[in-house]
Amino acid sequence: MQSAREAIATAITVLAEAGVDSPRVDAELLAAEVLGVPRGRLTGARFDEAALTRFTGLVRERATRRPVQHLTGRAPFRLLDVAVGPGVFIPRPETELLVEWGLERVAAFQAPIVVDLCAGTGAIALSVAKEHPGAQVFAVEHQTAALEWLRRNACGSTVTVVAGDVTDPATLSTLDGQVDLVLCNPPYVPDGTPVQPEVGEHDPYPAVFGGPDGLDVIRPVIQRAAALLCSGGWLGLEHDDSQGETVPALLTASRRYADVADHPDLAGRPRYATARRLADCTP
């Protein structure tokens, strides 16, 4: 038997030497996974021989820069744990702020219509559905592998999964002019931008990179969202930290939105833009 404290201390050293950004957090998450306890209850826990062998193996895999979420099979997001794995983008804590903003916009609505474009795991859509049970939520995804994860996560929920291209005017066209809120975490990293191995080697390329300036999907999403939204409806759109001026400028230039604003992430970097659909223009 070995104490969790000792095993985690060893794991932290291994992960730190491998260049992992959060060695303590990841070591504790893997320990909690193996022991089947919440991370906050590791104090006093002990590994038997089999559990220690499994833990050591997971730490070794994490040291290769395989995402910890792939090792546990899930990613925490707001009040949920969503299933993740190869083929789908791992949701980040920064995106929780976008969801919080969106929920505030529709809090007073009894049955708002909400659309999650580029849904991936469905973390955004599922969070909205869970935290606003009256909402009618649609999650749109195009990539085949990501769709499988989305359907798995949405199974048993009230979220409607839609297989479609978010840049195609035909996608959800039956809802044009009726949607109260559109949220989107699109691919937005400019091609060629250096990224961590966890991203570059494990997140799907089409879910991360958005063309030479990172805006290849954002530009048409701005137009598609304008068609979907009702008068006064809201758009929240995540973007790269280099696009804090560019994306709001695109929203303004479209002449379809008012109240354009940009918002920082947890580290104070520009992270998502928001706007309200104007009433005096056509889709």
C-alpha atoms as a PDB file:
ATOM      1  CA  MET A   1       0.000   0.000   0.000  1.00  0.00           C
ATOM      2  CA  GLN A   2       1.193   3.505  -0.756  1.00  0.00           C
ATOM      3  CA  SER A   3      -0.379   6.736   0.360  1.00  0.00           C
ATOM      4  CA  ALA A   4      -2.026   8.853  -2.314  1.00  0.00           C
ATOM      5  CA  ARG A   5       0.050  11.788  -1.116  1.00  0.00           C
ATOM      6  CA  GLU A   6       3.316  10.009  -1.865  1.00  0.00           C
ATOM      7  CA  ALA A   7       2.162   8.637  -5.220  1.00  0.00           C
ATOM      8  CA  ILE A   8       0.848  12.017  -6.311  1.00  0.00           C
ATOM      9  CA  ALA A   9       4.097  13.740  -5.304  1.00  0.00           C
ATOM     10  CA  THR A  10       6.037  11.345  -7.528  1.00  0.00           C
ATOM     11  CA  ALA A  11       3.560  11.858 -10.363  1.00  0.00           C
ATOM     12  CA  ILE A  12       3.837  15.638 -10.103  1.00  0.00           C
ATOM     13  CA  THR A  13       7.591  15.396 -10.631  1.00  0.00           C
ATOM     14  CA  VAL A  14       7.157  13.138 -13.655  1.00  0.00           C
ATOM     15  CA  LEU A  15       4.548  15.386 -15.261  1.00  0.00           C
ATOM     16  CA  ALA A  16       6.433  18.601 -14.544  1.00  0.00           C
ATOM     17  CA  GLU A  17       9.572  17.170 -16.163  1.00  0.00           C
ATOM     18  CA  ALA A  18       7.445  16.258 -19.212  1.00  0.00           C
ATOM     19  CA  GLY A  19       6.352  19.894 -19.585  1.00  0.00           C
ATOM     20  CA  VAL A  20       2.735  19.422 -18.512  1.00  0.00           C
ATOM     21  CA  ASP A  21       1.255  22.811 -17.582  1.00  0.00           C
ATOM     22  CA  SER A  22      -0.736  21.657 -14.561  1.00  0.00           C
ATOM     23  CA  PRO A  23       1.129  18.679 -13.085  1.00  0.00           C
ATOM     24  CA  ARG A  24      -0.494  18.790  -9.642  1.00  0.00           C
ATOM     25  CA  VAL A  25      -4.046  19.118 -10.927  1.00  0.00           C
ATOM     26  CA  ASP A  26      -3.553  16.369 -13.485  1.00  0.00           C
ATOM     27  CA  ALA A  27      -1.897  14.011 -10.998  1.00  0.00           C
ATOM     28  CA  GLU A  28      -4.769  14.522  -8.568  1.00  0.00           C
ATOM     29  CA  LEU A  29      -7.380  14.007 -11.294  1.00  0.00           C
ATOM     30  CA  LEU A  30      -5.772  10.740 -12.331  1.00  0.00           C
ATOM     31  CA  ALA A  31      -5.486   9.602  -8.723  1.00  0.00           C
ATOM     32  CA  ALA A  32      -9.148  10.395  -8.120  1.00  0.00           C
ATOM     33  CA  GLU A  33     -10.068   8.483 -11.273  1.00  0.00           C
ATOM     34  CA  VAL A  34      -8.188   5.374 -10.195  1.00  0.00           C
ATOM     35  CA  LEU A  35      -9.401   5.473  -6.595  1.00  0.00           C
ATOM     36  CA  GLY A  36     -12.986   6.322  -7.526  1.00  0.00           C
ATOM     37  CA  VAL A  37     -13.194   9.275  -5.160  1.00  0.00           C
ATOM     38  CA  PRO A  38     -13.673  13.020  -5.689  1.00  0.00           C
ATOM     39  CA  ARG A  39     -10.440  14.945  -6.088  1.00  0.00           C
ATOM     40  CA  GLY A  40     -11.129  16.799  -2.830  1.00  0.00           C
ATOM     41  CA  ARG A  41     -11.179  13.526  -0.868  1.00  0.00           C
ATOM     42  CA  LEU A  42      -7.715  12.212  -1.701  1.00  0.00           C
ATOM     43  CA  THR A  43      -6.280  13.100   1.716  1.00  0.00           C
ATOM     44  CA  GLY A  44      -5.680   9.897   3.626  1.00  0.00           C
ATOM     45  CA  ALA A  45      -6.419   7.666   0.609  1.00  0.00           C
ATOM     46  CA  ARG A  46      -4.077   4.806  -0.245  1.00  0.00           C
ATOM     47  CA  PHE A  47      -3.270   2.793  -3.364  1.00  0.00           C
ATOM     48  CA  ASP A  48      -3.161  -0.978  -3.304  1.00  0.00           C
ATOM     49  CA  GLU A  49      -0.740  -2.650  -5.701  1.00  0.00           C
ATOM     50  CA  ALA A  50      -3.190  -2.923  -8.603  1.00  0.00           C
ATOM     51  CA  ALA A  51      -4.405   0.662  -8.248  1.00  0.00           C
ATOM     52  CA  LEU A  52      -0.850   1.975  -8.023  1.00  0.00           C
ATOM     53  CA  THR A  53       0.098   0.119 -11.187  1.00  0.00           C
ATOM     54  CA  ARG A  54      -2.858   1.605 -13.019  1.00  0.00           C
ATOM     55  CA  PHE A  55      -2.125   5.089 -11.680  1.00  0.00           C
ATOM     56  CA  THR A  56       1.518   4.881 -12.688  1.00  0.00           C
ATOM     57  CA  GLY A  57       0.493   3.800 -16.181  1.00  0.00           C
ATOM     58  CA  LEU A  58      -1.891   6.715 -16.570  1.00  0.00           C
ATOM     59  CA  VAL A  59       0.749   9.165 -15.373  1.00  0.00           C
ATOM     60  CA  ARG A  60       3.174   7.713 -17.901  1.00  0.00           C
ATOM     61  CA  GLU A  61       0.605   8.231 -20.670  1.00  0.00           C
ATOM     62  CA  ARG A  62      -0.079  11.780 -19.519  1.00  0.00           C
ATOM     63  CA  ALA A  63       3.642  12.458 -19.654  1.00  0.00           C
ATOM     64  CA  THR A  64       3.474  11.746 -23.404  1.00  0.00           C
ATOM     65  CA  ARG A  65       1.109  14.781 -23.497  1.00  0.00           C
ATOM     66  CA  ARG A  66      -2.007  12.751 -24.079  1.00  0.00           C
ATOM     67  CA  PRO A  67      -4.832  14.903 -22.643  1.00  0.00           C
ATOM     68  CA  VAL A  68      -5.910  13.997 -19.139  1.00  0.00           C
ATOM     69  CA  GLN A  69      -9.515  14.111 -20.374  1.00  0.00           C
ATOM     70  CA  HIS A  70      -8.766  11.315 -22.837  1.00  0.00           C
ATOM     71  CA  LEU A  71      -7.366   9.252 -19.988  1.00  0.00           C
ATOM     72  CA  THR A  72     -10.427   9.722 -17.794  1.00  0.00           C
ATOM     73  CA  GLY A  73     -12.883   9.713 -20.702  1.00  0.00           C
ATOM     74  CA  ARG A  74     -14.654  12.881 -19.614  1.00  0.00           C
ATOM     75  CA  ALA A  75     -14.278  16.620 -19.265  1.00  0.00           C
ATOM     76  CA  PRO A  76     -15.912  18.733 -16.542  1.00  0.00           C
ATOM     77  CA  PHE A  77     -17.929  21.668 -17.861  1.00  0.00           C
ATOM     78  CA  ARG A  78     -20.058  23.810 -15.565  1.00  0.00           C
ATOM     79  CA  LEU A  79     -22.474  21.362 -13.872  1.00  0.00           C
ATOM     80  CA  LEU A  80     -21.699  18.498 -16.235  1.00  0.00           C
ATOM     81  CA  ASP A  81     -19.127  15.886 -17.144  1.00  0.00           C
ATOM     82  CA  VAL A  82     -19.205  15.315 -20.902  1.00  0.00           C
ATOM     83  CA  ALA A  83     -17.745  12.249 -22.576  1.00  0.00           C
ATOM     84  CA  VAL A  84     -14.687  13.019 -24.688  1.00  0.00           C
ATOM     85  CA  GLY A  85     -12.070  11.148 -26.684  1.00  0.00           C
ATOM     86  CA  PRO A  86     -10.277  11.116 -30.026  1.00  0.00           C
ATOM     87  CA  GLY A  87     -12.181  12.944 -32.744  1.00  0.00           C
ATOM     88  CA  VAL A  88     -13.797  15.687 -30.686  1.00  0.00           C
ATOM     89  CA  PHE A  89     -12.584  19.001 -29.280  1.00  0.00           C
ATOM     90  CA  ILE A  90     -12.164  19.010 -25.497  1.00  0.00           C
ATOM     91  CA  PRO A  91     -14.251  21.830 -23.988  1.00  0.00           C
ATOM     92  CA  ARG A  92     -12.281  24.454 -22.051  1.00  0.00           C
ATOM     93  CA  PRO A  93     -13.161  26.351 -18.859  1.00  0.00           C
ATOM     94  CA  GLU A  94     -13.056  29.642 -20.783  1.00  0.00           C
ATOM     95  CA  THR A  95     -16.139  28.629 -22.728  1.00  0.00           C
ATOM     96  CA  GLU A  96     -18.114  28.359 -19.491  1.00  0.00           C
ATOM     97  CA  LEU A  97     -18.113  32.164 -19.392  1.00  0.00           C
ATOM     98  CA  LEU A  98     -19.810  32.287 -22.797  1.00  0.00           C
ATOM     99  CA  VAL A  99     -22.512  29.928 -21.534  1.00  0.00           C
ATOM    100  CA  GLU A 100     -23.005  32.007 -18.396  1.00  0.00           C
ATOM    101  CA  TRP A 101     -23.437  35.135 -20.495  1.00  0.00           C
ATOM    102  CA  GLY A 102     -25.940  33.347 -22.746  1.00  0.00           C
ATOM    103  CA  LEU A 103     -27.990  32.004 -19.843  1.00  0.00           C
ATOM    104  CA  GLU A 104     -28.259  35.518 -18.452  1.00  0.00           C
ATOM    105  CA  ARG A 105     -29.653  36.752 -21.775  1.00  0.00           C
ATOM    106  CA  VAL A 106     -32.517  34.225 -21.761  1.00  0.00           C
ATOM    107  CA  ALA A 107     -33.080  33.883 -18.012  1.00  0.00           C
ATOM    108  CA  ALA A 108     -36.400  35.733 -18.189  1.00  0.00           C
ATOM    109  CA  PHE A 109     -37.695  33.656 -21.117  1.00  0.00           C
ATOM    110  CA  GLN A 110     -39.976  30.750 -20.286  1.00  0.00           C
ATOM    111  CA  ALA A 111     -39.154  28.745 -23.433  1.00  0.00           C
ATOM    112  CA  PRO A 112     -36.328  30.361 -25.426  1.00  0.00           C
ATOM    113  CA  ILE A 113     -35.002  28.808 -28.605  1.00  0.00           C
ATOM    114  CA  VAL A 114     -31.238  28.389 -28.349  1.00  0.00           C
ATOM    115  CA  VAL A 115     -28.804  27.169 -31.005  1.00  0.00           C
ATOM    116  CA  ASP A 116     -25.275  25.893 -30.368  1.00  0.00           C
ATOM    117  CA  LEU A 117     -23.236  26.097 -33.583  1.00  0.00           C
ATOM    118  CA  CYS A 118     -20.036  24.001 -33.885  1.00  0.00           C
ATOM    119  CA  ALA A 119     -21.336  21.977 -30.958  1.00  0.00           C
ATOM    120  CA  GLY A 120     -18.580  19.346 -30.663  1.00  0.00           C
ATOM    121  CA  THR A 121     -19.243  17.410 -27.440  1.00  0.00           C
ATOM    122  CA  GLY A 122     -22.425  19.421 -26.924  1.00  0.00           C
ATOM    123  CA  ALA A 123     -21.089  20.982 -23.715  1.00  0.00           C
ATOM    124  CA  ILE A 124     -22.643  24.379 -24.486  1.00  0.00           C
ATOM    125  CA  ALA A 125     -26.024  23.016 -25.588  1.00  0.00           C
ATOM    126  CA  LEU A 126     -26.266  20.522 -22.743  1.00  0.00           C
ATOM    127  CA  SER A 127     -25.360  23.147 -20.159  1.00  0.00           C
ATOM    128  CA  VAL A 128     -28.050  25.491 -21.433  1.00  0.00           C
ATOM    129  CA  ALA A 129     -30.618  22.674 -21.422  1.00  0.00           C
ATOM    130  CA  LYS A 130     -29.685  21.625 -17.890  1.00  0.00           C
ATOM    131  CA  GLU A 131     -29.564  25.112 -16.405  1.00  0.00           C
ATOM    132  CA  HIS A 132     -32.631  26.430 -18.264  1.00  0.00           C
ATOM    133  CA  PRO A 133     -34.945  23.389 -18.496  1.00  0.00           C
ATOM    134  CA  GLY A 134     -37.564  25.331 -20.433  1.00  0.00           C
ATOM    135  CA  ALA A 135     -35.198  26.095 -23.305  1.00  0.00           C
ATOM    136  CA  GLN A 136     -35.567  24.415 -26.674  1.00  0.00           C
ATOM    137  CA  VAL A 137     -31.943  23.711 -27.602  1.00  0.00           C
ATOM    138  CA  PHE A 138     -30.426  22.667 -30.931  1.00  0.00           C
ATOM    139  CA  ALA A 139     -26.808  21.505 -31.298  1.00  0.00           C
ATOM    140  CA  VAL A 140     -25.282  21.651 -34.794  1.00  0.00           C
ATOM    141  CA  GLU A 141     -22.167  19.687 -35.759  1.00  0.00           C
ATOM    142  CA  HIS A 142     -20.685  18.689 -39.121  1.00  0.00           C
ATOM    143  CA  GLN A 143     -17.655  16.489 -38.407  1.00  0.00           C
ATOM    144  CA  THR A 144     -18.539  12.772 -38.359  1.00  0.00           C
ATOM    145  CA  ALA A 145     -16.445  11.766 -35.340  1.00  0.00           C
ATOM    146  CA  ALA A 146     -17.582  14.773 -33.304  1.00  0.00           C
ATOM    147  CA  LEU A 147     -21.199  13.976 -34.173  1.00  0.00           C
ATOM    148  CA  GLU A 148     -20.809  10.559 -32.586  1.00  0.00           C
ATOM    149  CA  TRP A 149     -19.624  12.131 -29.337  1.00  0.00           C
ATOM    150  CA  LEU A 150     -22.390  14.747 -29.506  1.00  0.00           C
ATOM    151  CA  ARG A 151     -25.087  12.106 -29.948  1.00  0.00           C
ATOM    152  CA  ARG A 152     -23.624  10.081 -27.097  1.00  0.00           C
ATOM    153  CA  ASN A 153     -23.627  13.061 -24.735  1.00  0.00           C
ATOM    154  CA  ALA A 154     -27.055  14.283 -25.820  1.00  0.00           C
ATOM    155  CA  CYS A 155     -28.710  10.870 -25.467  1.00  0.00           C
ATOM    156  CA  GLY A 156     -31.506  11.142 -22.935  1.00  0.00           C
ATOM    157  CA  SER A 157     -31.379  14.945 -22.852  1.00  0.00           C
ATOM    158  CA  THR A 158     -33.789  17.454 -24.388  1.00  0.00           C
ATOM    159  CA  VAL A 159     -31.152  18.708 -26.843  1.00  0.00           C
ATOM    160  CA  THR A 160     -31.906  18.185 -30.535  1.00  0.00           C
ATOM    161  CA  VAL A 161     -28.799  17.111 -32.448  1.00  0.00           C
ATOM    162  CA  VAL A 162     -28.514  18.470 -35.993  1.00  0.00           C
ATOM    163  CA  ALA A 163     -25.991  17.144 -38.500  1.00  0.00           C
ATOM    164  CA  GLY A 164     -25.167  20.160 -40.594  1.00  0.00           C
ATOM    165  CA  ASP A 165     -22.637  22.708 -41.782  1.00  0.00           C
ATOM    166  CA  VAL A 166     -22.925  25.898 -39.731  1.00  0.00           C
ATOM    167  CA  THR A 167     -21.968  27.957 -42.791  1.00  0.00           C
ATOM    168  CA  ASP A 168     -24.772  26.496 -44.953  1.00  0.00           C
ATOM    169  CA  PRO A 169     -27.881  28.703 -45.195  1.00  0.00           C
ATOM    170  CA  ALA A 170     -29.994  25.535 -45.320  1.00  0.00           C
ATOM    171  CA  THR A 171     -28.893  24.410 -41.853  1.00  0.00           C
ATOM    172  CA  LEU A 172     -31.814  24.930 -39.454  1.00  0.00           C
ATOM    173  CA  SER A 173     -33.424  27.220 -42.039  1.00  0.00           C
ATOM    174  CA  THR A 174     -36.858  26.323 -40.635  1.00  0.00           C
ATOM    175  CA  LEU A 175     -35.863  28.307 -37.534  1.00  0.00           C
ATOM    176  CA  ASP A 176     -34.793  31.447 -39.394  1.00  0.00           C
ATOM    177  CA  GLY A 177     -35.997  34.542 -37.569  1.00  0.00           C
ATOM    178  CA  GLN A 178     -37.166  32.592 -34.494  1.00  0.00           C
ATOM    179  CA  VAL A 179     -34.037  31.941 -32.409  1.00  0.00           C
ATOM    180  CA  ASP A 180     -33.507  33.896 -29.191  1.00  0.00           C
ATOM    181  CA  LEU A 181     -29.870  32.986 -28.610  1.00  0.00           C
ATOM    182  CA  VAL A 182     -27.037  31.634 -30.746  1.00  0.00           C
ATOM    183  CA  LEU A 183     -23.840  30.478 -29.038  1.00  0.00           C
ATOM    184  CA  CYS A 184     -20.794  29.328 -30.949  1.00  0.00           C
ATOM    185  CA  ASN A 185     -17.287  28.130 -30.144  1.00  0.00           C
ATOM    186  CA  PRO A 186     -15.921  27.781 -33.685  1.00  0.00           C
ATOM    187  CA  PRO A 187     -12.452  26.857 -34.932  1.00  0.00           C
ATOM    188  CA  TYR A 188     -10.620  30.164 -34.662  1.00  0.00           C
ATOM    189  CA  VAL A 189      -6.880  29.631 -34.244  1.00  0.00           C
ATOM    190  CA  PRO A 190      -4.991  31.024 -37.276  1.00  0.00           C
ATOM    191  CA  ASP A 191      -3.289  28.304 -39.334  1.00  0.00           C
ATOM    192  CA  GLY A 192       0.331  27.800 -38.363  1.00  0.00           C
ATOM    193  CA  THR A 193      -0.054  29.094 -34.814  1.00  0.00           C
ATOM    194  CA  PRO A 194       2.098  27.039 -32.406  1.00  0.00           C
ATOM    195  CA  VAL A 195      -0.081  25.090 -29.963  1.00  0.00           C
ATOM    196  CA  GLN A 196       0.518  22.681 -27.104  1.00  0.00           C
ATOM    197  CA  PRO A 197       0.923  18.983 -28.020  1.00  0.00           C
ATOM    198  CA  GLU A 198      -2.367  18.225 -26.255  1.00  0.00           C
ATOM    199  CA  VAL A 199      -4.060  20.433 -28.855  1.00  0.00           C
ATOM    200  CA  GLY A 200      -1.981  19.894 -31.958  1.00  0.00           C
ATOM    201  CA  GLU A 201      -1.769  16.110 -31.640  1.00  0.00           C
ATOM    202  CA  HIS A 202      -5.145  15.260 -30.102  1.00  0.00           C
ATOM    203  CA  ASP A 203      -7.815  17.886 -30.797  1.00  0.00           C
ATOM    204  CA  PRO A 204      -9.206  17.556 -34.351  1.00  0.00           C
ATOM    205  CA  TYR A 205      -7.511  20.047 -36.680  1.00  0.00           C
ATOM    206  CA  PRO A 206     -10.821  21.325 -38.170  1.00  0.00           C
ATOM    207  CA  ALA A 207     -12.117  22.083 -34.665  1.00  0.00           C
ATOM    208  CA  VAL A 208      -9.097  24.218 -33.773  1.00  0.00           C
ATOM    209  CA  PHE A 209      -7.750  26.019 -36.816  1.00  0.00           C
ATOM    210  CA  GLY A 210      -9.832  28.500 -38.801  1.00  0.00           C
ATOM    211  CA  GLY A 211      -7.811  29.433 -41.865  1.00  0.00           C
ATOM    212  CA  PRO A 212      -4.969  31.913 -42.419  1.00  0.00           C
ATOM    213  CA  ASP A 213      -6.483  34.542 -40.103  1.00  0.00           C
ATOM    214  CA  GLY A 214      -8.613  32.168 -38.019  1.00  0.00           C
ATOM    215  CA  LEU A 215     -11.825  33.716 -39.340  1.00  0.00           C
ATOM    216  CA  ASP A 216     -12.854  31.286 -42.095  1.00  0.00           C
ATOM    217  CA  VAL A 217     -15.747  29.947 -40.012  1.00  0.00           C
ATOM    218  CA  ILE A 218     -16.427  33.029 -37.928  1.00  0.00           C
ATOM    219  CA  ARG A 219     -17.283  35.194 -40.956  1.00  0.00           C
ATOM    220  CA  PRO A 220     -20.092  32.954 -42.277  1.00  0.00           C
ATOM    221  CA  VAL A 221     -21.302  32.159 -38.741  1.00  0.00           C
ATOM    222  CA  ILE A 222     -21.927  35.862 -38.191  1.00  0.00           C
ATOM    223  CA  GLN A 223     -24.133  35.869 -41.277  1.00  0.00           C
ATOM    224  CA  ARG A 224     -25.875  32.568 -40.499  1.00  0.00           C
ATOM    225  CA  ALA A 225     -26.626  33.660 -36.935  1.00  0.00           C
ATOM    226  CA  ALA A 226     -28.162  36.889 -38.224  1.00  0.00           C
ATOM    227  CA  ALA A 227     -30.609  34.835 -40.281  1.00  0.00           C
ATOM    228  CA  LEU A 228     -31.452  32.521 -37.391  1.00  0.00           C
ATOM    229  CA  LEU A 229     -31.984  35.203 -34.761  1.00  0.00           C
ATOM    230  CA  CYS A 230     -35.238  36.959 -34.123  1.00  0.00           C
ATOM    231  CA  SER A 231     -35.317  40.705 -33.716  1.00  0.00           C
ATOM    232  CA  GLY A 232     -33.473  41.470 -30.488  1.00  0.00           C
ATOM    233  CA  GLY A 233     -31.978  37.972 -30.292  1.00  0.00           C
ATOM    234  CA  TRP A 234     -28.418  37.558 -29.053  1.00  0.00           C
ATOM    235  CA  LEU A 235     -25.227  36.085 -30.501  1.00  0.00           C
ATOM    236  CA  GLY A 236     -22.247  34.990 -28.397  1.00  0.00           C
ATOM    237  CA  LEU A 237     -19.157  33.991 -30.347  1.00  0.00           C
ATOM    238  CA  GLU A 238     -15.861  32.734 -28.911  1.00  0.00           C
ATOM    239  CA  HIS A 239     -12.649  33.813 -30.655  1.00  0.00           C
ATOM    240  CA  ASP A 240      -8.858  33.785 -30.441  1.00  0.00           C
ATOM    241  CA  ASP A 241      -7.204  36.212 -28.041  1.00  0.00           C
ATOM    242  CA  SER A 242      -5.704  37.968 -31.069  1.00  0.00           C
ATOM    243  CA  GLN A 243      -9.205  38.721 -32.452  1.00  0.00           C
ATOM    244  CA  GLY A 244     -10.579  40.941 -29.690  1.00  0.00           C
ATOM    245  CA  GLU A 245     -10.897  43.848 -32.112  1.00  0.00           C
ATOM    246  CA  THR A 246     -11.332  41.952 -35.375  1.00  0.00           C
ATOM    247  CA  VAL A 247     -14.454  39.945 -34.490  1.00  0.00           C
ATOM    248  CA  PRO A 248     -16.384  42.885 -32.986  1.00  0.00           C
ATOM    249  CA  ALA A 249     -15.439  44.871 -36.111  1.00  0.00           C
ATOM    250  CA  LEU A 250     -16.878  42.119 -38.310  1.00  0.00           C
ATOM    251  CA  LEU A 251     -20.103  42.144 -36.297  1.00  0.00           C
ATOM    252  CA  THR A 252     -20.396  45.906 -36.643  1.00  0.00           C
ATOM    253  CA  ALA A 253     -19.542  45.854 -40.341  1.00  0.00           C
ATOM    254  CA  SER A 254     -22.307  43.347 -41.049  1.00  0.00           C
ATOM    255  CA  ARG A 255     -24.851  46.049 -40.089  1.00  0.00           C
ATOM    256  CA  ARG A 256     -27.086  43.358 -38.629  1.00  0.00           C
ATOM    257  CA  TYR A 257     -26.178  43.784 -34.987  1.00  0.00           C
ATOM    258  CA  ALA A 258     -26.239  46.352 -32.221  1.00  0.00           C
ATOM    259  CA  ASP A 259     -24.708  46.385 -28.734  1.00  0.00           C
ATOM    260  CA  VAL A 260     -21.508  44.795 -29.981  1.00  0.00           C
ATOM    261  CA  ALA A 261     -19.089  44.072 -27.149  1.00  0.00           C
ATOM    262  CA  ASP A 262     -16.063  41.954 -26.369  1.00  0.00           C
ATOM    263  CA  HIS A 263     -15.379  40.054 -23.149  1.00  0.00           C
ATOM    264  CA  PRO A 264     -12.237  38.671 -21.443  1.00  0.00           C
ATOM    265  CA  ASP A 265     -11.579  35.106 -20.358  1.00  0.00           C
ATOM    266  CA  LEU A 266     -10.423  33.902 -16.939  1.00  0.00           C
ATOM    267  CA  ALA A 267      -6.908  35.195 -17.636  1.00  0.00           C
ATOM    268  CA  GLY A 268      -8.117  38.609 -18.795  1.00  0.00           C
ATOM    269  CA  ARG A 269      -7.508  37.921 -22.491  1.00  0.00           C
ATOM    270  CA  PRO A 270     -10.094  38.840 -25.166  1.00  0.00           C
ATOM    271  CA  ARG A 271     -12.169  35.673 -25.583  1.00  0.00           C
ATOM    272  CA  TYR A 272     -15.719  36.150 -26.861  1.00  0.00           C
ATOM    273  CA  ALA A 273     -17.788  38.764 -28.655  1.00  0.00           C
ATOM    274  CA  THR A 274     -21.497  39.406 -28.217  1.00  0.00           C
ATOM    275  CA  ALA A 275     -24.129  41.311 -30.155  1.00  0.00           C
ATOM    276  CA  ARG A 276     -27.894  41.808 -30.394  1.00  0.00           C
ATOM    277  CA  ARG A 277     -29.774  41.295 -33.641  1.00  0.00           C
ATOM    278  CA  LEU A 278     -31.088  44.510 -35.129  1.00  0.00           C
ATOM    279  CA  ALA A 279     -34.763  44.763 -35.962  1.00  0.00           C
ATOM    280  CA  ASP A 280     -34.576  47.032 -38.991  1.00  0.00           C
ATOM    281  CA  CYS A 281     -32.839  44.804 -41.511  1.00  0.00           C
ATOM    282  CA  THR A 282     -33.542  41.594 -43.391  1.00  0.00           C
ATOM    283  CA  PRO A 283     -31.687  38.295 -42.870  1.00  0.00           C
END
